[in-house]
Protein backbone atom coordinates (compact mmCIF):
# COMPACT_ATOMS: atom_id res chain seq x y z
CA UNK A 1 6.71 -22.18 0.70
CA UNK A 2 3.58 -24.17 1.46
CA UNK A 3 0.15 -23.20 2.47
CA UNK A 4 1.21 -24.15 6.03
CA UNK A 5 3.67 -21.40 6.06
CA UNK A 6 1.64 -18.99 4.73
CA UNK A 7 -0.91 -19.22 7.21
CA UNK A 8 1.68 -18.72 9.93
CA UNK A 9 3.01 -15.93 8.04
CA UNK A 10 -0.69 -14.23 7.56
CA UNK A 11 -1.07 -14.64 11.30
CA UNK A 12 2.31 -12.65 12.33
CA UNK A 13 1.92 -10.03 9.95
CA UNK A 14 -1.72 -9.78 11.10
CA UNK A 15 -0.30 -9.10 14.90
CA UNK A 16 2.04 -6.67 13.70
CA UNK A 17 -0.32 -4.64 11.54
CA UNK A 18 -2.97 -4.85 13.96
CA UNK A 19 -0.17 -3.23 16.32
CA UNK A 20 0.64 -0.42 14.45
CA UNK A 21 -2.73 0.47 13.42
CA UNK A 22 -3.59 0.52 17.34
CA UNK A 23 -0.54 2.39 17.94
CA UNK A 24 0.67 4.68 15.10
CA UNK A 25 2.95 6.54 16.40
CA UNK A 26 4.68 3.54 17.51
CA UNK A 27 5.49 2.87 13.55
CA UNK A 28 7.62 6.33 13.70
CA UNK A 29 10.26 5.49 16.26
CA UNK A 30 13.80 4.44 15.35
CA UNK A 31 13.87 0.81 16.47
CA UNK A 32 10.39 0.05 14.71
CA UNK A 33 11.70 2.06 11.43
CA UNK A 34 15.54 0.33 11.44
CA UNK A 35 13.73 -3.39 12.40
CA UNK A 36 11.32 -2.66 8.94
CA UNK A 37 13.81 -1.41 6.96
CA UNK A 38 16.24 -4.77 7.78
CA UNK A 39 13.39 -6.87 7.22
CA UNK A 40 12.44 -5.75 4.09
CA UNK A 41 15.95 -4.06 2.51
CA UNK A 42 18.11 -6.98 3.81
CA UNK A 43 16.16 -9.99 4.09
CA UNK A 44 13.10 -9.76 1.64
CA UNK A 45 14.25 -7.80 -1.04
CA UNK A 46 16.62 -10.25 -2.86
CA UNK A 47 13.56 -12.63 -2.69
CA UNK A 48 10.48 -10.92 -2.55
CA UNK A 49 9.67 -12.14 -6.02
CA UNK A 50 9.37 -15.60 -4.40
CA UNK A 51 7.24 -14.60 -1.82
CA UNK A 52 4.46 -13.34 -4.20
CA UNK A 53 5.07 -16.58 -6.57
CA UNK A 54 4.47 -18.70 -3.34
CA UNK A 55 0.72 -17.00 -3.07
CA UNK A 56 -0.33 -17.44 -6.68
CA UNK A 57 -2.81 -15.17 -7.47
CA UNK A 58 -4.16 -14.79 -4.21
CA UNK A 59 -0.96 -12.33 -3.57
CA UNK A 60 -2.68 -9.55 -5.97
CA UNK A 61 -6.35 -10.72 -5.15
CA UNK A 62 -7.48 -7.96 -2.50
CA UNK A 63 -5.22 -5.48 -4.40
CA UNK A 64 -7.50 -6.12 -7.18
CA UNK A 65 -10.68 -5.94 -5.64
CA UNK A 66 -9.49 -2.85 -3.84
CA UNK A 67 -8.88 -1.20 -7.17
CA UNK A 68 -12.01 -1.68 -8.34
CA UNK A 69 -13.62 -0.38 -5.31
CA UNK A 70 -11.56 2.81 -5.76
CA UNK A 71 -12.56 3.17 -9.22
CA UNK A 72 -16.11 3.15 -8.20
CA UNK A 73 -15.79 5.52 -4.98
CA UNK A 74 -13.59 8.51 -6.35
CA UNK A 75 -15.43 11.39 -6.94
CA UNK A 76 -12.86 12.56 -9.35
CA UNK A 77 -10.99 11.15 -12.11
CA UNK A 78 -8.18 9.33 -11.46
CA UNK A 79 -5.25 11.30 -13.19
CA UNK A 80 -2.26 11.07 -10.53
CA UNK A 81 -1.52 7.69 -8.77
CA UNK A 82 1.20 7.61 -5.96
CA UNK A 83 2.36 4.00 -5.06
CA UNK A 84 3.60 4.32 -1.16
CA UNK A 85 6.07 1.34 -0.60
CA UNK A 86 6.29 -0.06 -4.10
CA UNK A 87 8.57 -2.63 -3.13
CA UNK A 88 9.55 -4.90 -5.98
CA UNK A 89 6.52 -2.39 -8.07
CA UNK A 90 4.20 -5.12 -8.07
CA UNK A 91 1.37 -2.26 -7.26
CA UNK A 92 2.17 -0.25 -9.61
CA UNK A 93 2.01 -2.71 -12.43
CA UNK A 94 -0.70 -3.55 -11.39
CA UNK A 95 -2.33 -0.08 -11.30
CA UNK A 96 -1.07 0.63 -14.31
CA UNK A 97 -3.24 -2.15 -15.97
CA UNK A 98 -6.67 -0.98 -14.48
CA UNK A 99 -5.74 2.93 -15.05
CA UNK A 100 -3.35 3.17 -18.38
CA UNK A 101 -3.76 6.75 -18.86
CA UNK A 102 -2.70 7.91 -15.47
CA UNK A 103 0.60 9.22 -14.24
CA UNK A 104 2.15 7.09 -11.61
CA UNK A 105 4.60 7.94 -8.64
CA UNK A 106 6.23 5.26 -7.12
CA UNK A 107 7.77 5.47 -3.84
CA UNK A 108 10.06 3.36 -1.55
CA UNK A 109 12.49 4.43 0.90
CA UNK A 110 14.91 0.95 0.00
CA UNK A 111 17.40 1.19 -2.64
CA UNK A 112 16.99 -2.32 -3.46
CA UNK A 113 13.73 -2.81 -3.53
CA UNK A 114 13.69 0.51 -6.08
CA UNK A 115 16.19 -1.17 -8.36
CA UNK A 116 13.67 -4.17 -8.77
CA UNK A 117 10.73 -2.23 -9.34
CA UNK A 118 13.05 0.44 -12.22
CA UNK A 119 13.70 -2.72 -13.65
CA UNK A 120 10.53 -4.58 -13.77
CA UNK A 121 8.96 -1.13 -15.24
CA UNK A 122 11.27 -0.85 -17.87
CA UNK A 123 10.75 -4.55 -18.94
CA UNK A 124 6.70 -3.73 -18.87
CA UNK A 125 7.34 -0.54 -20.58
CA UNK A 126 5.72 1.67 -17.74
CA UNK A 127 6.61 5.13 -17.54
CA UNK A 128 6.20 5.11 -13.66
CA UNK A 129 8.51 7.74 -11.84
CA UNK A 130 10.41 5.74 -8.87
CA UNK A 131 11.19 8.08 -5.96
CA UNK A 132 13.18 7.41 -3.11
CA UNK A 133 11.64 8.70 0.29
CA UNK A 134 10.11 7.61 3.20
CA UNK A 135 6.51 7.07 3.50
CA UNK A 136 6.03 8.33 6.76
CA UNK A 137 6.66 11.78 5.81
CA UNK A 138 6.01 11.43 1.57
CA UNK A 139 8.36 14.43 -0.42
CA UNK A 140 5.45 14.95 -1.98
CA UNK A 141 2.53 17.98 -1.84
CA UNK A 142 -0.57 17.70 -0.08
CA UNK A 143 -3.64 17.13 -2.11
CA UNK A 144 -0.99 15.89 -4.97
CA UNK A 145 -2.80 12.22 -5.97
CA UNK A 146 -6.19 11.42 -7.16
CA UNK A 147 -5.50 7.74 -5.87
CA UNK A 148 -3.04 6.91 -2.85
CA UNK A 149 -2.19 3.24 -2.81
CA UNK A 150 -0.07 1.50 -0.09
CA UNK A 151 0.15 -2.32 -0.03
CA UNK A 152 2.24 -4.46 2.57
CA UNK A 153 3.36 -1.58 4.10
CA UNK A 154 3.15 0.60 7.23
CA UNK A 155 0.09 2.19 7.42
CA UNK A 156 0.92 6.04 7.83
CA UNK A 157 -2.51 6.64 7.20
CA UNK A 158 -2.62 10.46 8.18
CA UNK A 159 -0.10 10.98 5.38
CA UNK A 160 -1.45 9.20 2.96
CA UNK A 161 -4.55 11.01 3.57
CA UNK A 162 -2.23 14.19 3.22
CA UNK A 163 -1.70 14.12 -0.08
CA UNK A 164 -5.01 12.80 -1.21
CA UNK A 165 -7.11 15.18 -3.20
CA UNK A 166 -10.61 16.10 -1.52
CA UNK A 167 -12.87 13.63 -3.18
CA UNK A 168 -9.63 11.34 -4.48
CA UNK A 169 -9.29 7.76 -2.63
CA UNK A 170 -6.99 6.32 -0.30
CA UNK A 171 -6.38 2.30 -0.94
CA UNK A 172 -4.46 0.32 1.64
CA UNK A 173 -4.13 -3.28 1.05
CA UNK A 174 -2.46 -6.22 3.27
CA UNK A 175 -2.45 -9.55 1.43
CA UNK A 176 -2.03 -11.59 4.51
CA UNK A 177 -3.75 -10.20 7.29
CA UNK A 178 -7.56 -9.91 6.67
CA UNK A 179 -8.16 -10.53 10.63
CA UNK A 180 -7.38 -6.64 10.87
CA UNK A 181 -9.65 -5.55 8.52
CA UNK A 182 -11.85 -4.27 10.88
CA UNK A 183 -8.84 -2.53 13.45
CA UNK A 184 -7.99 -1.01 9.99
CA UNK A 185 -11.00 0.79 9.41
CA UNK A 186 -11.16 2.09 12.92
CA UNK A 187 -8.01 3.49 12.62
CA UNK A 188 -9.08 5.30 9.29
CA UNK A 189 -11.85 6.53 10.90
CA UNK A 190 -9.81 8.12 13.56
CA UNK A 191 -7.87 10.39 11.32
CA UNK A 192 -11.11 12.23 10.80
CA UNK A 193 -9.78 12.68 7.05
CA UNK A 194 -12.14 10.14 5.30
CA UNK A 195 -15.62 10.50 4.76
CA UNK A 196 -16.33 7.16 3.43
CA UNK A 197 -14.58 4.13 4.36
CA UNK A 198 -15.03 0.71 2.97
CA UNK A 199 -13.28 -2.74 3.46
CA UNK A 200 -13.52 -6.11 1.90
CA UNK A 201 -11.51 -9.09 1.88
CA UNK A 202 -10.18 -11.94 -0.07
CA UNK A 203 -8.35 -14.95 0.63
CA UNK A 204 -6.02 -14.24 3.57
CA UNK A 205 -5.99 -10.49 2.85
CA UNK A 206 -7.71 -7.49 2.86
CA UNK A 207 -8.18 -3.82 1.16
CA UNK A 208 -9.17 -0.45 2.77
CA UNK A 209 -11.00 2.36 0.48
CA UNK A 210 -11.24 5.49 1.79
CA UNK A 211 -12.56 8.55 0.34
CA UNK A 212 -10.67 11.70 0.93
CA UNK A 213 -13.04 14.12 2.65
CA UNK A 214 -13.11 18.00 1.55
CA UNK A 215 -10.87 19.29 4.63
CA UNK A 216 -6.77 19.25 4.40
């Protein structure tokens, strides 16, 4: 996969993510959910490690910068982390290095992805809890997490905010769609759930770091 293909994918993901941010209810419709589940579960799951490798170090750059921003932004100790749409577990493994003492819960709706994630956790000796669940309706209690991370997945920002404790942080990252970072910030503000919102870009990606306000 060369740079030209990556840039084409970046443009495509920007268009898709921008639409989901502008029309969040569309992501909950059955046709969209089935399409995304097929795309990630059937087409990408067996090859996603190769997609990550194709990006090189650029794939995790926005995530790394976002995690550092989250550390500085959080108004509470980061003890519990929830990784929404963990996929292969890349985010969980990266977060575990940044926050080695945190408890991490990794959620994904695609069994094939969770299988890869669990295998990776064992190999990396990470004691993360892998949970099969829908990130549009997370099987977690409100305010249970100090840091909620979602990378390269559907932007259910209101649901991510629901499980984030006051003073905690929601970190939304996309490794390909830096063109819609401003749209993401406006979508986060529209939820009314955050007191501070900051975005940053890195290569083809971006991150949104949002501090949860005191109202749940």
